[in-house]
Amino acid sequence: MMEPMNIVRVLKHISGSSGCKMLKRNDVIMTGIVLLIALVSLGFFFLNKKEGSAVVITVNGKIYQQIELEQNNTIKIEQENGDYNEVVIQDGYVWMTDADCPDKLCVKHNKIHYNHETIVCLPHKVVVEIIGGEENTVDIIAK
């Protein structure tokens, strides 16, 4: 059987009086407010995203091609030095399926379809950007 002093020590440890702080009422309220603000901000951000209407492909800072998002198409971008990228436009989404760059980060990028989303291939200086959607009325991110 446990000695009475050990039982008191165990109870103090469980109750938090041995240095562990218990959450106070104000801590819970503050945490709730922070979570509510975060959820409202995320909801506002996602509800204000606008789908784009066209794709602009630039190579080395110059417009290579501009295509409507409604047109399903596969575009092979071939540069003079032999570098290439392959861009697919299908069902309002755009993605890069192939490239001969060393890291292939552009090929690993997710599909895009919202206004001002981009896929960039740095080694080939290729930028694929969605444009033409309605602009957000609130500027969340400084441009």
C-alpha atoms as a PDB file:
ATOM      1  CA  MET A   1       0.000   0.000   0.000  1.00  0.00           C
ATOM      2  CA  MET A   2       1.125   3.559  -0.756  1.00  0.00           C
ATOM      3  CA  GLU A   3       2.187   5.863   1.992  1.00  0.00           C
ATOM      4  CA  PRO A   4       0.000   8.935   2.545  1.00  0.00           C
ATOM      5  CA  MET A   5       2.852  11.320   1.551  1.00  0.00           C
ATOM      6  CA  ASN A   6       3.307   9.581  -1.819  1.00  0.00           C
ATOM      7  CA  ILE A   7      -0.421   9.840  -2.543  1.00  0.00           C
ATOM      8  CA  VAL A   8      -0.327  13.598  -1.861  1.00  0.00           C
ATOM      9  CA  ARG A   9       2.678  13.952  -4.167  1.00  0.00           C
ATOM     10  CA  VAL A  10       0.908  12.038  -6.960  1.00  0.00           C
ATOM     11  CA  LEU A  11      -2.262  14.109  -6.564  1.00  0.00           C
ATOM     12  CA  LYS A  12      -0.276  17.355  -6.682  1.00  0.00           C
ATOM     13  CA  HIS A  13       1.459  16.186  -9.857  1.00  0.00           C
ATOM     14  CA  ILE A  14      -1.843  15.261 -11.540  1.00  0.00           C
ATOM     15  CA  SER A  15      -3.575  18.481 -10.513  1.00  0.00           C
ATOM     16  CA  GLY A  16      -0.838  20.609 -12.025  1.00  0.00           C
ATOM     17  CA  SER A  17       0.473  22.243  -8.901  1.00  0.00           C
ATOM     18  CA  SER A  18       3.972  20.860  -9.488  1.00  0.00           C
ATOM     19  CA  GLY A  19       4.885  23.498 -12.069  1.00  0.00           C
ATOM     20  CA  CYS A  20       2.464  22.527 -14.890  1.00  0.00           C
ATOM     21  CA  LYS A  21       0.149  25.404 -15.699  1.00  0.00           C
ATOM     22  CA  MET A  22      -3.511  24.744 -16.305  1.00  0.00           C
ATOM     23  CA  LEU A  23      -5.355  26.618 -19.037  1.00  0.00           C
ATOM     24  CA  LYS A  24      -7.220  29.560 -17.639  1.00  0.00           C
ATOM     25  CA  ARG A  25     -10.548  30.855 -18.942  1.00  0.00           C
ATOM     26  CA  ASN A  26      -8.885  33.790 -20.725  1.00  0.00           C
ATOM     27  CA  ASP A  27      -6.418  31.436 -22.466  1.00  0.00           C
ATOM     28  CA  VAL A  28      -9.299  29.443 -23.915  1.00  0.00           C
ATOM     29  CA  ILE A  29     -11.089  32.622 -25.055  1.00  0.00           C
ATOM     30  CA  MET A  30      -7.916  33.993 -26.690  1.00  0.00           C
ATOM     31  CA  THR A  31      -7.237  30.699 -28.481  1.00  0.00           C
ATOM     32  CA  GLY A  32     -10.822  30.627 -29.739  1.00  0.00           C
ATOM     33  CA  ILE A  33     -10.581  34.182 -31.058  1.00  0.00           C
ATOM     34  CA  VAL A  34      -7.297  33.471 -32.864  1.00  0.00           C
ATOM     35  CA  LEU A  35      -8.731  30.311 -34.452  1.00  0.00           C
ATOM     36  CA  LEU A  36     -11.895  32.145 -35.507  1.00  0.00           C
ATOM     37  CA  ILE A  37      -9.881  34.942 -37.141  1.00  0.00           C
ATOM     38  CA  ALA A  38      -7.718  32.372 -38.955  1.00  0.00           C
ATOM     39  CA  LEU A  39     -10.744  30.465 -40.259  1.00  0.00           C
ATOM     40  CA  VAL A  40     -12.508  33.634 -41.419  1.00  0.00           C
ATOM     41  CA  SER A  41      -9.339  34.821 -43.179  1.00  0.00           C
ATOM     42  CA  LEU A  42      -8.863  31.498 -44.975  1.00  0.00           C
ATOM     43  CA  GLY A  43     -12.514  31.397 -45.997  1.00  0.00           C
ATOM     44  CA  PHE A  44     -12.343  34.960 -47.324  1.00  0.00           C
ATOM     45  CA  PHE A  45      -9.167  34.177 -49.270  1.00  0.00           C
ATOM     46  CA  PHE A  46     -10.577  31.060 -50.937  1.00  0.00           C
ATOM     47  CA  LEU A  47     -13.986  32.583 -51.685  1.00  0.00           C
ATOM     48  CA  ASN A  48     -12.371  35.554 -53.450  1.00  0.00           C
ATOM     49  CA  LYS A  49     -10.213  33.503 -55.826  1.00  0.00           C
ATOM     50  CA  LYS A  50     -11.317  34.102 -59.410  1.00  0.00           C
ATOM     51  CA  GLU A  51     -10.818  31.718 -62.285  1.00  0.00           C
ATOM     52  CA  GLY A  52      -8.851  33.104 -65.190  1.00  0.00           C
ATOM     53  CA  SER A  53      -9.926  33.121 -68.812  1.00  0.00           C
ATOM     54  CA  ALA A  54      -6.641  32.901 -70.738  1.00  0.00           C
ATOM     55  CA  VAL A  55      -3.089  31.585 -70.540  1.00  0.00           C
ATOM     56  CA  VAL A  56      -0.058  33.680 -71.444  1.00  0.00           C
ATOM     57  CA  ILE A  57       3.207  31.867 -72.105  1.00  0.00           C
ATOM     58  CA  THR A  58       6.324  34.009 -72.052  1.00  0.00           C
ATOM     59  CA  VAL A  59       9.812  32.882 -72.996  1.00  0.00           C
ATOM     60  CA  ASN A  60      12.769  35.024 -72.030  1.00  0.00           C
ATOM     61  CA  GLY A  61      10.426  37.881 -71.100  1.00  0.00           C
ATOM     62  CA  LYS A  62       8.641  37.964 -74.488  1.00  0.00           C
ATOM     63  CA  ILE A  63       5.118  36.701 -75.149  1.00  0.00           C
ATOM     64  CA  TYR A  64       5.325  33.337 -76.905  1.00  0.00           C
ATOM     65  CA  GLN A  65       1.600  32.562 -77.097  1.00  0.00           C
ATOM     66  CA  GLN A  66      -1.745  33.513 -75.548  1.00  0.00           C
ATOM     67  CA  ILE A  67      -4.606  30.987 -75.554  1.00  0.00           C
ATOM     68  CA  GLU A  68      -8.097  30.885 -74.075  1.00  0.00           C
ATOM     69  CA  LEU A  69      -8.563  28.439 -71.194  1.00  0.00           C
ATOM     70  CA  GLU A  70     -11.623  26.923 -72.883  1.00  0.00           C
ATOM     71  CA  GLN A  71      -9.482  25.638 -75.772  1.00  0.00           C
ATOM     72  CA  ASN A  72      -8.025  22.225 -74.984  1.00  0.00           C
ATOM     73  CA  ASN A  73      -4.540  22.249 -76.435  1.00  0.00           C
ATOM     74  CA  THR A  74      -0.997  20.933 -76.073  1.00  0.00           C
ATOM     75  CA  ILE A  75       1.778  23.419 -76.795  1.00  0.00           C
ATOM     76  CA  LYS A  76       5.392  22.423 -77.299  1.00  0.00           C
ATOM     77  CA  ILE A  77       7.703  25.358 -76.659  1.00  0.00           C
ATOM     78  CA  GLU A  78      10.937  24.779 -78.565  1.00  0.00           C
ATOM     79  CA  GLN A  79      13.749  27.251 -78.198  1.00  0.00           C
ATOM     80  CA  GLU A  80      16.644  27.905 -80.585  1.00  0.00           C
ATOM     81  CA  ASN A  81      19.153  26.199 -78.297  1.00  0.00           C
ATOM     82  CA  GLY A  82      17.113  22.953 -78.266  1.00  0.00           C
ATOM     83  CA  ASP A  83      15.445  23.446 -74.878  1.00  0.00           C
ATOM     84  CA  TYR A  84      11.779  22.497 -74.773  1.00  0.00           C
ATOM     85  CA  ASN A  85       8.741  22.579 -72.492  1.00  0.00           C
ATOM     86  CA  GLU A  86       5.342  21.013 -73.118  1.00  0.00           C
ATOM     87  CA  VAL A  87       2.243  22.780 -71.732  1.00  0.00           C
ATOM     88  CA  VAL A  88      -1.226  21.220 -71.629  1.00  0.00           C
ATOM     89  CA  ILE A  89      -4.474  23.194 -71.424  1.00  0.00           C
ATOM     90  CA  GLN A  90      -7.473  21.011 -70.672  1.00  0.00           C
ATOM     91  CA  ASP A  91     -10.863  21.595 -69.019  1.00  0.00           C
ATOM     92  CA  GLY A  92      -9.825  25.040 -67.768  1.00  0.00           C
ATOM     93  CA  TYR A  93      -6.614  23.818 -66.116  1.00  0.00           C
ATOM     94  CA  VAL A  94      -3.005  24.295 -67.230  1.00  0.00           C
ATOM     95  CA  TRP A  95       0.041  22.220 -66.394  1.00  0.00           C
ATOM     96  CA  MET A  96       3.444  21.345 -67.785  1.00  0.00           C
ATOM     97  CA  THR A  97       3.827  17.700 -68.810  1.00  0.00           C
ATOM     98  CA  ASP A  98       7.407  17.609 -70.059  1.00  0.00           C
ATOM     99  CA  ALA A  99      10.599  19.639 -70.074  1.00  0.00           C
ATOM    100  CA  ASP A 100      14.273  18.900 -70.556  1.00  0.00           C
ATOM    101  CA  CYS A 101      15.432  21.105 -67.690  1.00  0.00           C
ATOM    102  CA  PRO A 102      17.596  19.405 -65.046  1.00  0.00           C
ATOM    103  CA  ASP A 103      15.333  19.784 -61.988  1.00  0.00           C
ATOM    104  CA  LYS A 104      11.886  19.431 -63.656  1.00  0.00           C
ATOM    105  CA  LEU A 105      10.254  21.547 -60.940  1.00  0.00           C
ATOM    106  CA  CYS A 106       7.956  23.020 -63.572  1.00  0.00           C
ATOM    107  CA  VAL A 107       6.674  19.539 -64.459  1.00  0.00           C
ATOM    108  CA  LYS A 108       6.111  18.704 -60.772  1.00  0.00           C
ATOM    109  CA  HIS A 109       4.039  21.877 -60.257  1.00  0.00           C
ATOM    110  CA  ASN A 110       0.302  21.460 -59.614  1.00  0.00           C
ATOM    111  CA  LYS A 111      -2.306  22.336 -62.234  1.00  0.00           C
ATOM    112  CA  ILE A 112      -3.298  26.014 -62.260  1.00  0.00           C
ATOM    113  CA  HIS A 113      -6.529  27.801 -63.235  1.00  0.00           C
ATOM    114  CA  TYR A 114      -6.978  30.829 -60.974  1.00  0.00           C
ATOM    115  CA  ASN A 115      -6.158  34.388 -62.011  1.00  0.00           C
ATOM    116  CA  HIS A 116      -2.436  35.273 -61.637  1.00  0.00           C
ATOM    117  CA  GLU A 117      -1.290  31.726 -60.831  1.00  0.00           C
ATOM    118  CA  THR A 118       1.977  30.832 -62.547  1.00  0.00           C
ATOM    119  CA  ILE A 119       4.213  27.932 -63.471  1.00  0.00           C
ATOM    120  CA  VAL A 120       7.846  28.928 -63.941  1.00  0.00           C
ATOM    121  CA  CYS A 121      10.730  27.035 -65.535  1.00  0.00           C
ATOM    122  CA  LEU A 122      13.791  29.010 -64.448  1.00  0.00           C
ATOM    123  CA  PRO A 123      16.436  27.159 -66.507  1.00  0.00           C
ATOM    124  CA  HIS A 124      14.470  27.825 -69.727  1.00  0.00           C
ATOM    125  CA  LYS A 125      13.078  31.227 -68.659  1.00  0.00           C
ATOM    126  CA  VAL A 126       9.505  30.081 -69.402  1.00  0.00           C
ATOM    127  CA  VAL A 127       6.555  31.530 -67.476  1.00  0.00           C
ATOM    128  CA  VAL A 128       2.986  30.242 -67.840  1.00  0.00           C
ATOM    129  CA  GLU A 129       0.452  32.621 -66.254  1.00  0.00           C
ATOM    130  CA  ILE A 130      -3.326  32.626 -65.988  1.00  0.00           C
ATOM    131  CA  ILE A 131      -4.847  36.020 -66.809  1.00  0.00           C
ATOM    132  CA  GLY A 132      -8.159  37.638 -67.610  1.00  0.00           C
ATOM    133  CA  GLY A 133     -10.190  36.636 -64.577  1.00  0.00           C
ATOM    134  CA  GLU A 134     -12.068  39.177 -62.539  1.00  0.00           C
ATOM    135  CA  GLU A 135      -9.783  41.081 -60.236  1.00  0.00           C
ATOM    136  CA  ASN A 136     -10.323  40.706 -56.524  1.00  0.00           C
ATOM    137  CA  THR A 137     -11.955  43.757 -55.003  1.00  0.00           C
ATOM    138  CA  VAL A 138      -9.680  43.448 -51.967  1.00  0.00           C
ATOM    139  CA  ASP A 139      -5.913  43.296 -52.420  1.00  0.00           C
ATOM    140  CA  ILE A 140      -4.865  40.593 -49.980  1.00  0.00           C
ATOM    141  CA  ILE A 141      -1.330  40.230 -51.302  1.00  0.00           C
ATOM    142  CA  ALA A 142       0.649  43.330 -52.224  1.00  0.00           C
ATOM    143  CA  LYS A 143       1.477  43.307 -55.911  1.00  0.00           C
END
